[in-house]
Amino acid sequence: MKLFLTSKFTNVHGELKSLLDRNPKDLRLAFIPTAADPYKNKDFVKNDLECLRKMGFHIKIVDLKNKTKSKLAEFLHGADVIFVEGGSTFYLLKEARKSGFLEIVPKLVQNGTVYVGVSAGTYLACPSIEQSNWKHKGSNFVRLRNLNALGLVPYLISVHYKPEYSELIKIGKENSRFKVRILNDNQAFVILGNKTKLVGKDQKEIRV
């Protein structure tokens, strides 16, 4: 299993290479922009795509909307890297469930596909996206009741950490059955098999 989970990809993109067995120019990357759909300003999507192109990846954009499970499996077949962009976590989970993404991806990851999650994409890798509502109440505008996600890691990750979020995260932790780990915008978790490494400018894991 190879996972790269972060808040802001452009701040830590150089660390992704530690998970790759070949040069990016020899790798096919499936870019999932779906979580950004509800946002008018999609500059963060453009920035990540530009960064990935400069790294040399062969990119195929795969929107989860209106995809059947069989069609999505066809689109993702052969991808060396699946990159799940940020945006609305609840909207992303809704489309990930409806399209069959939640069923397809764990098998691909088990077979060696690298999963890159950014913000909402990182939340989706967790067993639940409940933490997405801790700092910003009312995020669940699609009214999801089932918040179960991919479960690629056994803990929740809270992203975009700032000191002012400490108390809200503490309350969330107290009401969750899962362990919680935290990332700011200069950090990422690099996960290879059972080993997890914190990388980025800030080398100390955040505790609240």
N, C-alpha and C. Protein backbone atom coordinates (compact mmCIF):
# COMPACT_ATOMS: atom_id res chain seq x y z
N MET A 1 0.84 -1.19 0.00
CA MET A 1 0.00 0.00 0.00
C MET A 1 0.87 1.24 0.00
N LYS A 2 0.58 2.16 -0.92
CA LYS A 2 1.34 3.41 -1.03
C LYS A 2 0.36 4.58 -1.04
N LEU A 3 0.43 5.40 0.01
CA LEU A 3 -0.47 6.54 0.15
C LEU A 3 0.33 7.81 0.39
N PHE A 4 -0.16 8.90 -0.17
CA PHE A 4 0.43 10.22 0.07
C PHE A 4 -0.73 11.14 0.43
N LEU A 5 -0.82 11.54 1.69
CA LEU A 5 -1.98 12.27 2.19
C LEU A 5 -1.54 13.62 2.73
N THR A 6 -2.18 14.68 2.23
CA THR A 6 -1.73 16.02 2.57
C THR A 6 -2.89 17.02 2.60
N SER A 7 -2.60 18.23 3.06
CA SER A 7 -3.56 19.33 3.03
C SER A 7 -3.43 20.13 1.74
N LYS A 8 -2.18 20.42 1.38
CA LYS A 8 -1.91 21.28 0.22
C LYS A 8 -0.76 20.70 -0.58
N PHE A 9 -1.06 20.14 -1.74
CA PHE A 9 -0.08 19.38 -2.51
C PHE A 9 1.09 20.23 -2.97
N THR A 10 0.83 21.44 -3.43
CA THR A 10 1.91 22.25 -3.99
C THR A 10 3.01 22.56 -2.97
N ASN A 11 2.68 22.50 -1.68
CA ASN A 11 3.67 22.78 -0.64
C ASN A 11 4.58 21.59 -0.34
N VAL A 12 4.16 20.40 -0.74
CA VAL A 12 4.92 19.19 -0.37
C VAL A 12 5.14 18.24 -1.55
N HIS A 13 4.88 18.70 -2.76
CA HIS A 13 4.86 17.80 -3.92
C HIS A 13 6.16 17.03 -4.13
N GLY A 14 7.29 17.64 -3.75
CA GLY A 14 8.57 16.97 -3.95
C GLY A 14 8.71 15.68 -3.16
N GLU A 15 7.95 15.56 -2.08
CA GLU A 15 8.03 14.37 -1.22
C GLU A 15 7.34 13.16 -1.85
N LEU A 16 6.49 13.39 -2.85
CA LEU A 16 5.77 12.27 -3.48
C LEU A 16 6.72 11.29 -4.16
N LYS A 17 7.83 11.78 -4.64
CA LYS A 17 8.76 10.94 -5.40
C LYS A 17 9.26 9.75 -4.61
N SER A 18 9.25 9.86 -3.27
CA SER A 18 9.73 8.74 -2.44
C SER A 18 8.85 7.51 -2.56
N LEU A 19 7.62 7.68 -3.04
CA LEU A 19 6.69 6.55 -3.20
C LEU A 19 6.69 5.97 -4.61
N LEU A 20 7.35 6.65 -5.54
CA LEU A 20 7.28 6.26 -6.94
C LEU A 20 8.44 5.34 -7.32
N ASP A 21 8.12 4.31 -8.08
CA ASP A 21 9.18 3.37 -8.49
C ASP A 21 9.77 3.74 -9.85
N ARG A 22 9.22 4.79 -10.48
CA ARG A 22 9.73 5.24 -11.77
C ARG A 22 9.64 6.77 -11.83
N ASN A 23 10.26 7.32 -12.84
CA ASN A 23 10.16 8.75 -13.08
C ASN A 23 8.71 9.10 -13.43
N PRO A 24 8.19 10.24 -12.93
CA PRO A 24 6.81 10.61 -13.25
C PRO A 24 6.49 10.60 -14.74
N LYS A 25 7.48 10.88 -15.60
CA LYS A 25 7.21 10.90 -17.04
C LYS A 25 6.86 9.52 -17.58
N ASP A 26 7.12 8.48 -16.77
CA ASP A 26 6.79 7.11 -17.17
C ASP A 26 5.54 6.59 -16.47
N LEU A 27 4.82 7.48 -15.78
CA LEU A 27 3.68 7.06 -14.98
C LEU A 27 2.38 7.73 -15.45
N ARG A 28 1.29 6.95 -15.36
CA ARG A 28 -0.03 7.47 -15.72
C ARG A 28 -0.78 7.85 -14.45
N LEU A 29 -1.30 9.06 -14.43
CA LEU A 29 -1.98 9.58 -13.25
C LEU A 29 -3.44 9.91 -13.58
N ALA A 30 -4.35 9.34 -12.80
CA ALA A 30 -5.77 9.66 -12.91
C ALA A 30 -6.09 10.77 -11.92
N PHE A 31 -6.51 11.91 -12.43
CA PHE A 31 -6.77 13.10 -11.60
C PHE A 31 -8.27 13.22 -11.37
N ILE A 32 -8.68 13.17 -10.10
CA ILE A 32 -10.10 13.21 -9.74
C ILE A 32 -10.43 14.62 -9.21
N PRO A 33 -11.07 15.47 -10.03
CA PRO A 33 -11.35 16.85 -9.62
C PRO A 33 -12.72 17.05 -8.97
N THR A 34 -13.46 15.97 -8.78
CA THR A 34 -14.89 16.04 -8.46
C THR A 34 -15.22 16.88 -7.23
N ALA A 35 -14.41 16.81 -6.19
CA ALA A 35 -14.72 17.55 -4.95
C ALA A 35 -14.77 19.05 -5.17
N ALA A 36 -14.14 19.53 -6.23
CA ALA A 36 -14.11 20.97 -6.51
C ALA A 36 -15.37 21.46 -7.22
N ASP A 37 -16.24 20.56 -7.64
CA ASP A 37 -17.43 20.95 -8.41
C ASP A 37 -18.24 22.08 -7.76
N PRO A 38 -18.50 22.05 -6.45
CA PRO A 38 -19.34 23.09 -5.85
C PRO A 38 -18.66 24.46 -5.72
N TYR A 39 -17.38 24.54 -6.05
CA TYR A 39 -16.63 25.78 -5.85
C TYR A 39 -16.57 26.62 -7.12
N LYS A 40 -16.81 27.92 -6.99
CA LYS A 40 -16.68 28.82 -8.14
C LYS A 40 -15.21 29.04 -8.46
N ASN A 41 -14.40 29.26 -7.43
CA ASN A 41 -12.97 29.48 -7.63
C ASN A 41 -12.25 28.14 -7.58
N LYS A 42 -11.75 27.72 -8.72
CA LYS A 42 -11.06 26.43 -8.81
C LYS A 42 -9.57 26.60 -9.07
N ASP A 43 -9.02 27.71 -8.61
CA ASP A 43 -7.59 27.96 -8.84
C ASP A 43 -6.73 26.87 -8.21
N PHE A 44 -7.16 26.30 -7.07
CA PHE A 44 -6.36 25.25 -6.42
C PHE A 44 -6.26 24.01 -7.31
N VAL A 45 -7.29 23.76 -8.09
CA VAL A 45 -7.24 22.62 -9.03
C VAL A 45 -6.22 22.92 -10.14
N LYS A 46 -6.29 24.12 -10.70
CA LYS A 46 -5.35 24.51 -11.75
C LYS A 46 -3.92 24.45 -11.25
N ASN A 47 -3.70 24.91 -10.01
CA ASN A 47 -2.35 24.92 -9.44
C ASN A 47 -1.79 23.50 -9.29
N ASP A 48 -2.64 22.59 -8.81
CA ASP A 48 -2.18 21.21 -8.64
C ASP A 48 -1.92 20.54 -9.99
N LEU A 49 -2.79 20.79 -10.96
CA LEU A 49 -2.58 20.21 -12.29
C LEU A 49 -1.29 20.74 -12.92
N GLU A 50 -1.05 22.02 -12.77
CA GLU A 50 0.18 22.60 -13.31
C GLU A 50 1.41 22.00 -12.64
N CYS A 51 1.33 21.81 -11.33
CA CYS A 51 2.43 21.20 -10.58
C CYS A 51 2.70 19.78 -11.06
N LEU A 52 1.64 19.00 -11.25
CA LEU A 52 1.77 17.61 -11.70
C LEU A 52 2.34 17.54 -13.11
N ARG A 53 1.91 18.47 -13.96
CA ARG A 53 2.42 18.49 -15.34
C ARG A 53 3.91 18.82 -15.35
N LYS A 54 4.32 19.76 -14.49
CA LYS A 54 5.74 20.11 -14.41
C LYS A 54 6.57 18.95 -13.89
N MET A 55 5.94 18.11 -13.04
CA MET A 55 6.64 16.92 -12.54
C MET A 55 6.81 15.88 -13.64
N GLY A 56 5.96 15.95 -14.66
CA GLY A 56 6.11 15.07 -15.82
C GLY A 56 5.06 13.98 -15.97
N PHE A 57 4.08 13.91 -15.09
CA PHE A 57 3.07 12.86 -15.16
C PHE A 57 2.24 12.93 -16.45
N HIS A 58 1.83 11.76 -16.92
CA HIS A 58 0.83 11.67 -17.99
C HIS A 58 -0.53 11.67 -17.29
N ILE A 59 -1.29 12.74 -17.46
CA ILE A 59 -2.51 12.96 -16.67
C ILE A 59 -3.77 12.69 -17.47
N LYS A 60 -4.66 11.93 -16.87
CA LYS A 60 -6.01 11.74 -17.41
C LYS A 60 -6.99 12.23 -16.35
N ILE A 61 -7.84 13.19 -16.71
CA ILE A 61 -8.82 13.72 -15.76
C ILE A 61 -10.04 12.80 -15.76
N VAL A 62 -10.39 12.34 -14.57
CA VAL A 62 -11.50 11.38 -14.41
C VAL A 62 -12.50 11.96 -13.41
N ASP A 63 -13.61 12.48 -13.91
CA ASP A 63 -14.66 13.00 -13.04
C ASP A 63 -15.55 11.84 -12.60
N LEU A 64 -15.88 11.79 -11.31
CA LEU A 64 -16.71 10.69 -10.80
C LEU A 64 -18.19 10.87 -11.14
N LYS A 65 -18.58 12.08 -11.46
CA LYS A 65 -19.98 12.36 -11.75
C LYS A 65 -20.48 11.55 -12.94
N ASN A 66 -21.67 11.02 -12.79
CA ASN A 66 -22.37 10.33 -13.88
C ASN A 66 -21.60 9.13 -14.44
N LYS A 67 -20.78 8.52 -13.60
CA LYS A 67 -20.05 7.33 -14.02
C LYS A 67 -20.68 6.09 -13.40
N THR A 68 -20.83 5.05 -14.20
CA THR A 68 -21.21 3.75 -13.64
C THR A 68 -19.95 3.10 -13.09
N LYS A 69 -20.12 2.11 -12.27
CA LYS A 69 -18.97 1.43 -11.68
C LYS A 69 -18.09 0.81 -12.76
N SER A 70 -18.70 0.19 -13.75
CA SER A 70 -17.92 -0.47 -14.80
C SER A 70 -17.17 0.55 -15.66
N LYS A 71 -17.82 1.69 -15.93
CA LYS A 71 -17.17 2.73 -16.73
C LYS A 71 -16.02 3.36 -15.96
N LEU A 72 -16.23 3.58 -14.66
CA LEU A 72 -15.17 4.16 -13.84
C LEU A 72 -13.98 3.21 -13.73
N ALA A 73 -14.26 1.94 -13.57
CA ALA A 73 -13.19 0.94 -13.49
C ALA A 73 -12.36 0.95 -14.78
N GLU A 74 -13.04 1.15 -15.89
CA GLU A 74 -12.36 1.23 -17.18
C GLU A 74 -11.45 2.46 -17.24
N PHE A 75 -11.96 3.59 -16.75
CA PHE A 75 -11.18 4.83 -16.75
C PHE A 75 -9.96 4.73 -15.84
N LEU A 76 -10.09 4.03 -14.71
CA LEU A 76 -9.00 3.95 -13.74
C LEU A 76 -8.02 2.82 -14.05
N HIS A 77 -8.42 1.93 -14.94
CA HIS A 77 -7.56 0.78 -15.28
C HIS A 77 -6.23 1.27 -15.85
N GLY A 78 -5.17 0.75 -15.31
CA GLY A 78 -3.85 1.11 -15.82
C GLY A 78 -3.23 2.35 -15.20
N ALA A 79 -3.97 3.02 -14.31
CA ALA A 79 -3.41 4.21 -13.65
C ALA A 79 -2.37 3.78 -12.62
N ASP A 80 -1.22 4.41 -12.66
CA ASP A 80 -0.18 4.14 -11.66
C ASP A 80 -0.42 4.94 -10.39
N VAL A 81 -1.07 6.11 -10.57
CA VAL A 81 -1.35 7.01 -9.45
C VAL A 81 -2.79 7.50 -9.58
N ILE A 82 -3.52 7.50 -8.46
CA ILE A 82 -4.85 8.11 -8.41
C ILE A 82 -4.74 9.32 -7.49
N PHE A 83 -5.02 10.50 -8.03
CA PHE A 83 -4.87 11.76 -7.32
C PHE A 83 -6.26 12.33 -7.06
N VAL A 84 -6.66 12.39 -5.79
CA VAL A 84 -7.99 12.87 -5.43
C VAL A 84 -7.88 14.29 -4.87
N GLU A 85 -8.39 15.23 -5.64
CA GLU A 85 -8.28 16.65 -5.33
C GLU A 85 -9.19 17.06 -4.17
N GLY A 86 -8.92 18.24 -3.62
CA GLY A 86 -9.70 18.77 -2.52
C GLY A 86 -10.98 19.46 -2.99
N GLY A 87 -11.71 19.99 -2.00
CA GLY A 87 -12.98 20.64 -2.28
C GLY A 87 -13.98 20.28 -1.20
N SER A 88 -15.20 19.96 -1.60
CA SER A 88 -16.24 19.56 -0.66
C SER A 88 -16.15 18.07 -0.37
N THR A 89 -15.83 17.73 0.87
CA THR A 89 -15.67 16.31 1.23
C THR A 89 -16.99 15.56 1.16
N PHE A 90 -18.07 16.19 1.59
CA PHE A 90 -19.36 15.50 1.60
C PHE A 90 -19.85 15.25 0.17
N TYR A 91 -19.68 16.23 -0.69
CA TYR A 91 -20.05 16.06 -2.10
C TYR A 91 -19.19 14.96 -2.73
N LEU A 92 -17.90 14.97 -2.42
CA LEU A 92 -16.99 13.95 -2.95
C LEU A 92 -17.41 12.56 -2.52
N LEU A 93 -17.72 12.40 -1.23
CA LEU A 93 -18.12 11.08 -0.74
C LEU A 93 -19.41 10.61 -1.41
N LYS A 94 -20.34 11.52 -1.59
CA LYS A 94 -21.60 11.17 -2.27
C LYS A 94 -21.32 10.61 -3.67
N GLU A 95 -20.50 11.31 -4.44
CA GLU A 95 -20.19 10.87 -5.80
C GLU A 95 -19.29 9.64 -5.81
N ALA A 96 -18.40 9.53 -4.82
CA ALA A 96 -17.52 8.36 -4.74
C ALA A 96 -18.32 7.09 -4.46
N ARG A 97 -19.35 7.23 -3.64
CA ARG A 97 -20.20 6.08 -3.33
C ARG A 97 -21.07 5.72 -4.53
N LYS A 98 -21.66 6.74 -5.14
CA LYS A 98 -22.59 6.52 -6.25
C LYS A 98 -21.89 5.91 -7.47
N SER A 99 -20.65 6.31 -7.71
CA SER A 99 -19.91 5.85 -8.89
C SER A 99 -19.23 4.50 -8.72
N GLY A 100 -19.14 4.03 -7.47
CA GLY A 100 -18.43 2.78 -7.22
C GLY A 100 -16.96 2.99 -6.87
N PHE A 101 -16.53 4.26 -6.78
CA PHE A 101 -15.13 4.58 -6.47
C PHE A 101 -14.71 3.97 -5.14
N LEU A 102 -15.62 3.97 -4.16
CA LEU A 102 -15.29 3.41 -2.84
C LEU A 102 -14.99 1.92 -2.91
N GLU A 103 -15.58 1.24 -3.86
CA GLU A 103 -15.35 -0.20 -3.99
C GLU A 103 -14.13 -0.51 -4.85
N ILE A 104 -13.91 0.33 -5.85
CA ILE A 104 -12.84 0.06 -6.82
C ILE A 104 -11.45 0.36 -6.26
N VAL A 105 -11.32 1.50 -5.57
CA VAL A 105 -9.99 2.00 -5.20
C VAL A 105 -9.22 1.12 -4.22
N PRO A 106 -9.85 0.60 -3.14
CA PRO A 106 -9.06 -0.23 -2.22
C PRO A 106 -8.38 -1.41 -2.92
N LYS A 107 -9.03 -2.01 -3.88
CA LYS A 107 -8.43 -3.13 -4.61
C LYS A 107 -7.24 -2.66 -5.44
N LEU A 108 -7.38 -1.50 -6.07
CA LEU A 108 -6.27 -0.96 -6.86
C LEU A 108 -5.08 -0.64 -5.98
N VAL A 109 -5.35 -0.04 -4.82
CA VAL A 109 -4.27 0.31 -3.88
C VAL A 109 -3.58 -0.96 -3.38
N GLN A 110 -4.35 -1.98 -3.10
CA GLN A 110 -3.76 -3.26 -2.66
C GLN A 110 -2.85 -3.84 -3.73
N ASN A 111 -3.14 -3.53 -4.99
CA ASN A 111 -2.36 -4.07 -6.10
C ASN A 111 -1.23 -3.13 -6.54
N GLY A 112 -0.99 -2.06 -5.77
CA GLY A 112 0.18 -1.23 -6.04
C GLY A 112 -0.06 0.16 -6.56
N THR A 113 -1.31 0.52 -6.87
CA THR A 113 -1.59 1.88 -7.32
C THR A 113 -1.36 2.86 -6.17
N VAL A 114 -0.69 3.95 -6.46
CA VAL A 114 -0.42 4.98 -5.44
C VAL A 114 -1.66 5.87 -5.31
N TYR A 115 -2.11 6.09 -4.08
CA TYR A 115 -3.24 6.99 -3.82
C TYR A 115 -2.70 8.28 -3.25
N VAL A 116 -3.02 9.39 -3.92
CA VAL A 116 -2.66 10.72 -3.42
C VAL A 116 -3.95 11.43 -3.03
N GLY A 117 -4.04 11.85 -1.78
CA GLY A 117 -5.21 12.58 -1.32
C GLY A 117 -4.81 13.98 -0.90
N VAL A 118 -5.59 14.96 -1.36
CA VAL A 118 -5.35 16.35 -0.98
C VAL A 118 -6.61 16.89 -0.31
N SER A 119 -6.49 17.33 0.94
CA SER A 119 -7.62 17.91 1.67
C SER A 119 -8.80 16.95 1.67
N ALA A 120 -9.85 17.21 0.91
CA ALA A 120 -11.00 16.30 0.86
C ALA A 120 -10.58 14.90 0.42
N GLY A 121 -9.59 14.83 -0.46
CA GLY A 121 -9.08 13.53 -0.90
C GLY A 121 -8.40 12.77 0.23
N THR A 122 -7.78 13.51 1.16
CA THR A 122 -7.19 12.90 2.36
C THR A 122 -8.29 12.40 3.29
N TYR A 123 -9.33 13.22 3.50
CA TYR A 123 -10.46 12.79 4.32
C TYR A 123 -11.08 11.51 3.78
N LEU A 124 -11.19 11.43 2.45
CA LEU A 124 -11.82 10.26 1.84
C LEU A 124 -11.04 8.99 2.10
N ALA A 125 -9.72 9.10 2.32
CA ALA A 125 -8.89 7.92 2.59
C ALA A 125 -9.12 7.36 3.98
N CYS A 126 -9.75 8.13 4.85
CA CYS A 126 -9.97 7.73 6.25
C CYS A 126 -11.19 6.81 6.37
N PRO A 127 -11.40 6.20 7.53
CA PRO A 127 -12.57 5.32 7.70
C PRO A 127 -13.89 6.08 7.70
N SER A 128 -13.84 7.38 8.02
CA SER A 128 -15.04 8.23 8.06
C SER A 128 -14.61 9.64 7.69
N ILE A 129 -15.58 10.45 7.21
CA ILE A 129 -15.26 11.85 6.93
C ILE A 129 -15.87 12.76 8.01
N GLU A 130 -16.19 12.21 9.16
CA GLU A 130 -16.82 12.98 10.23
C GLU A 130 -16.02 14.22 10.61
N GLN A 131 -14.68 14.13 10.51
CA GLN A 131 -13.81 15.25 10.90
C GLN A 131 -13.97 16.45 9.98
N SER A 132 -14.55 16.24 8.81
CA SER A 132 -14.74 17.33 7.87
C SER A 132 -15.73 18.37 8.39
N ASN A 133 -16.54 17.98 9.35
CA ASN A 133 -17.56 18.88 9.89
C ASN A 133 -17.16 19.52 11.22
N TRP A 134 -15.99 19.19 11.74
CA TRP A 134 -15.60 19.70 13.04
C TRP A 134 -15.33 21.20 13.02
N LYS A 135 -14.62 21.66 11.99
CA LYS A 135 -14.19 23.06 11.94
C LYS A 135 -15.17 23.95 11.19
N HIS A 136 -15.94 23.34 10.31
CA HIS A 136 -16.86 24.13 9.47
C HIS A 136 -18.24 23.49 9.50
N LYS A 137 -19.04 23.90 10.44
CA LYS A 137 -20.38 23.35 10.57
C LYS A 137 -21.20 23.70 9.33
N GLY A 138 -22.08 22.80 8.94
CA GLY A 138 -22.92 23.06 7.77
C GLY A 138 -22.28 22.63 6.47
N SER A 139 -21.14 21.93 6.53
CA SER A 139 -20.47 21.48 5.31
C SER A 139 -21.26 20.40 4.58
N ASN A 140 -22.11 19.69 5.33
CA ASN A 140 -22.84 18.56 4.75
C ASN A 140 -24.12 19.03 4.05
N PHE A 141 -23.94 19.83 3.00
CA PHE A 141 -25.10 20.37 2.28
C PHE A 141 -25.80 19.32 1.42
N VAL A 142 -25.12 18.18 1.18
CA VAL A 142 -25.76 17.10 0.43
C VAL A 142 -26.51 16.14 1.35
N ARG A 143 -26.45 16.42 2.66
CA ARG A 143 -27.21 15.70 3.67
C ARG A 143 -26.91 14.20 3.70
N LEU A 144 -25.63 13.89 3.68
CA LEU A 144 -25.23 12.49 3.81
C LEU A 144 -25.44 12.01 5.24
N ARG A 145 -25.93 10.82 5.39
CA ARG A 145 -26.05 10.20 6.72
C ARG A 145 -24.94 9.19 6.95
N ASN A 146 -24.61 8.45 5.92
CA ASN A 146 -23.53 7.47 6.01
C ASN A 146 -22.22 8.16 5.66
N LEU A 147 -21.35 8.33 6.64
CA LEU A 147 -20.09 9.04 6.44
C LEU A 147 -18.90 8.09 6.29
N ASN A 148 -19.16 6.80 6.16
CA ASN A 148 -18.08 5.83 5.98
C ASN A 148 -17.36 6.08 4.66
N ALA A 149 -16.03 6.06 4.71
CA ALA A 149 -15.24 6.37 3.52
C ALA A 149 -14.37 5.17 3.11
N LEU A 150 -13.21 5.43 2.51
CA LEU A 150 -12.39 4.35 1.95
C LEU A 150 -11.74 3.46 3.00
N GLY A 151 -11.35 4.04 4.13
CA GLY A 151 -10.71 3.24 5.17
C GLY A 151 -9.33 2.73 4.78
N LEU A 152 -8.61 3.50 3.99
CA LEU A 152 -7.25 3.10 3.61
C LEU A 152 -6.29 3.24 4.79
N VAL A 153 -6.63 4.14 5.71
CA VAL A 153 -5.91 4.26 6.98
C VAL A 153 -6.92 4.04 8.10
N PRO A 154 -6.48 3.56 9.28
CA PRO A 154 -7.42 3.24 10.36
C PRO A 154 -7.76 4.41 11.27
N TYR A 155 -7.30 5.60 10.94
CA TYR A 155 -7.50 6.77 11.79
C TYR A 155 -8.05 7.93 10.95
N LEU A 156 -8.54 8.95 11.65
CA LEU A 156 -8.99 10.17 10.98
C LEU A 156 -7.82 11.14 10.85
N ILE A 157 -7.84 11.92 9.78
CA ILE A 157 -6.83 12.97 9.61
C ILE A 157 -7.56 14.30 9.50
N SER A 158 -7.18 15.25 10.33
CA SER A 158 -7.71 16.59 10.24
C SER A 158 -6.69 17.46 9.51
N VAL A 159 -7.11 18.08 8.41
CA VAL A 159 -6.17 18.83 7.57
C VAL A 159 -6.32 20.34 7.77
N HIS A 160 -5.43 21.10 7.14
CA HIS A 160 -5.43 22.57 7.19
C HIS A 160 -5.39 23.09 8.63
N TYR A 161 -4.60 22.44 9.46
CA TYR A 161 -4.56 22.83 10.88
C TYR A 161 -4.03 24.24 11.07
N LYS A 162 -4.71 24.98 11.96
CA LYS A 162 -4.25 26.26 12.50
C LYS A 162 -4.51 26.22 14.00
N PRO A 163 -3.71 26.92 14.81
CA PRO A 163 -3.89 26.87 16.27
C PRO A 163 -5.30 27.18 16.72
N GLU A 164 -6.00 28.04 16.01
CA GLU A 164 -7.36 28.40 16.42
C GLU A 164 -8.35 27.25 16.28
N TYR A 165 -7.94 26.17 15.59
CA TYR A 165 -8.81 25.00 15.44
C TYR A 165 -8.64 23.98 16.57
N SER A 166 -7.68 24.21 17.46
CA SER A 166 -7.33 23.21 18.47
C SER A 166 -8.52 22.73 19.30
N GLU A 167 -9.29 23.66 19.82
CA GLU A 167 -10.41 23.28 20.69
C GLU A 167 -11.48 22.51 19.93
N LEU A 168 -11.74 22.91 18.69
CA LEU A 168 -12.74 22.21 17.88
C LEU A 168 -12.30 20.78 17.58
N ILE A 169 -11.00 20.61 17.33
CA ILE A 169 -10.48 19.25 17.07
C ILE A 169 -10.53 18.42 18.34
N LYS A 170 -10.22 19.02 19.49
CA LYS A 170 -10.31 18.30 20.77
C LYS A 170 -11.72 17.77 21.00
N ILE A 171 -12.71 18.60 20.73
CA ILE A 171 -14.11 18.19 20.91
C ILE A 171 -14.44 17.05 19.95
N GLY A 172 -13.98 17.18 18.72
CA GLY A 172 -14.21 16.12 17.73
C GLY A 172 -13.58 14.81 18.15
N LYS A 173 -12.36 14.89 18.65
CA LYS A 173 -11.66 13.68 19.11
C LYS A 173 -12.42 12.98 20.24
N GLU A 174 -12.93 13.78 21.15
CA GLU A 174 -13.65 13.22 22.30
C GLU A 174 -14.92 12.48 21.88
N ASN A 175 -15.50 12.88 20.77
CA ASN A 175 -16.75 12.28 20.31
C ASN A 175 -16.57 11.26 19.19
N SER A 176 -15.31 10.93 18.88
CA SER A 176 -15.04 9.97 17.82
C SER A 176 -14.51 8.66 18.39
N ARG A 177 -14.79 7.58 17.71
CA ARG A 177 -14.25 6.29 18.13
C ARG A 177 -12.90 6.00 17.48
N PHE A 178 -12.46 6.93 16.62
CA PHE A 178 -11.20 6.74 15.91
C PHE A 178 -10.08 7.61 16.49
N LYS A 179 -8.86 7.15 16.33
CA LYS A 179 -7.71 7.97 16.62
C LYS A 179 -7.67 9.11 15.60
N VAL A 180 -7.13 10.26 16.00
CA VAL A 180 -7.07 11.42 15.11
C VAL A 180 -5.63 11.89 14.95
N ARG A 181 -5.23 12.11 13.69
CA ARG A 181 -3.92 12.70 13.42
C ARG A 181 -4.15 14.01 12.66
N ILE A 182 -3.17 14.88 12.69
CA ILE A 182 -3.37 16.26 12.23
C ILE A 182 -2.26 16.67 11.26
N LEU A 183 -2.66 17.40 10.21
CA LEU A 183 -1.71 17.94 9.25
C LEU A 183 -1.96 19.43 9.05
N ASN A 184 -0.89 20.22 8.98
CA ASN A 184 -1.04 21.59 8.52
C ASN A 184 -0.71 21.64 7.02
N ASP A 185 -0.69 22.83 6.45
CA ASP A 185 -0.52 22.93 5.00
C ASP A 185 0.91 22.70 4.51
N ASN A 186 1.83 22.47 5.44
CA ASN A 186 3.22 22.21 5.06
C ASN A 186 3.65 20.78 5.38
N GLN A 187 2.67 19.89 5.57
CA GLN A 187 2.98 18.51 5.96
C GLN A 187 2.22 17.49 5.09
N ALA A 188 2.73 16.28 5.12
CA ALA A 188 2.05 15.15 4.47
C ALA A 188 2.44 13.87 5.19
N PHE A 189 1.56 12.88 5.11
CA PHE A 189 1.90 11.54 5.56
C PHE A 189 2.24 10.70 4.34
N VAL A 190 3.42 10.11 4.37
CA VAL A 190 3.83 9.15 3.34
C VAL A 190 3.69 7.77 3.95
N ILE A 191 2.83 6.95 3.36
CA ILE A 191 2.53 5.64 3.94
C ILE A 191 2.94 4.55 2.96
N LEU A 192 3.84 3.71 3.41
CA LEU A 192 4.32 2.59 2.61
C LEU A 192 4.14 1.32 3.42
N GLY A 193 3.16 0.51 3.03
CA GLY A 193 2.83 -0.68 3.81
C GLY A 193 2.34 -0.28 5.19
N ASN A 194 3.00 -0.79 6.23
CA ASN A 194 2.62 -0.47 7.60
C ASN A 194 3.42 0.70 8.20
N LYS A 195 4.26 1.32 7.37
CA LYS A 195 5.11 2.40 7.87
C LYS A 195 4.56 3.76 7.43
N THR A 196 4.47 4.67 8.38
CA THR A 196 4.00 6.02 8.10
C THR A 196 5.09 7.02 8.48
N LYS A 197 5.38 7.94 7.56
CA LYS A 197 6.40 8.95 7.79
C LYS A 197 5.79 10.33 7.59
N LEU A 198 6.02 11.23 8.53
CA LEU A 198 5.59 12.62 8.40
C LEU A 198 6.67 13.38 7.63
N VAL A 199 6.28 14.05 6.55
CA VAL A 199 7.25 14.78 5.73
C VAL A 199 6.77 16.22 5.54
N GLY A 200 7.66 17.07 5.04
CA GLY A 200 7.33 18.46 4.79
C GLY A 200 8.21 19.39 5.59
N LYS A 201 7.90 20.67 5.53
CA LYS A 201 8.71 21.68 6.21
C LYS A 201 8.63 21.54 7.73
N ASP A 202 7.46 21.15 8.22
CA ASP A 202 7.28 21.00 9.67
C ASP A 202 7.37 19.53 10.04
N GLN A 203 8.45 19.14 10.67
CA GLN A 203 8.74 17.73 10.91
C GLN A 203 8.10 17.18 12.19
N LYS A 204 7.51 18.05 12.99
CA LYS A 204 6.92 17.60 14.25
C LYS A 204 5.42 17.38 14.09
N GLU A 205 4.95 16.18 14.50
CA GLU A 205 3.52 15.91 14.38
C GLU A 205 2.74 16.76 15.39
N ILE A 206 1.63 17.31 14.93
CA ILE A 206 0.83 18.22 15.74
C ILE A 206 -0.04 17.44 16.71
N ARG A 207 -0.04 17.86 17.97
CA ARG A 207 -0.88 17.26 19.01
C ARG A 207 -1.79 18.32 19.59
N VAL A 208 -3.02 17.96 19.87
CA VAL A 208 -3.93 18.89 20.55
C VAL A 208 -4.57 18.19 21.74
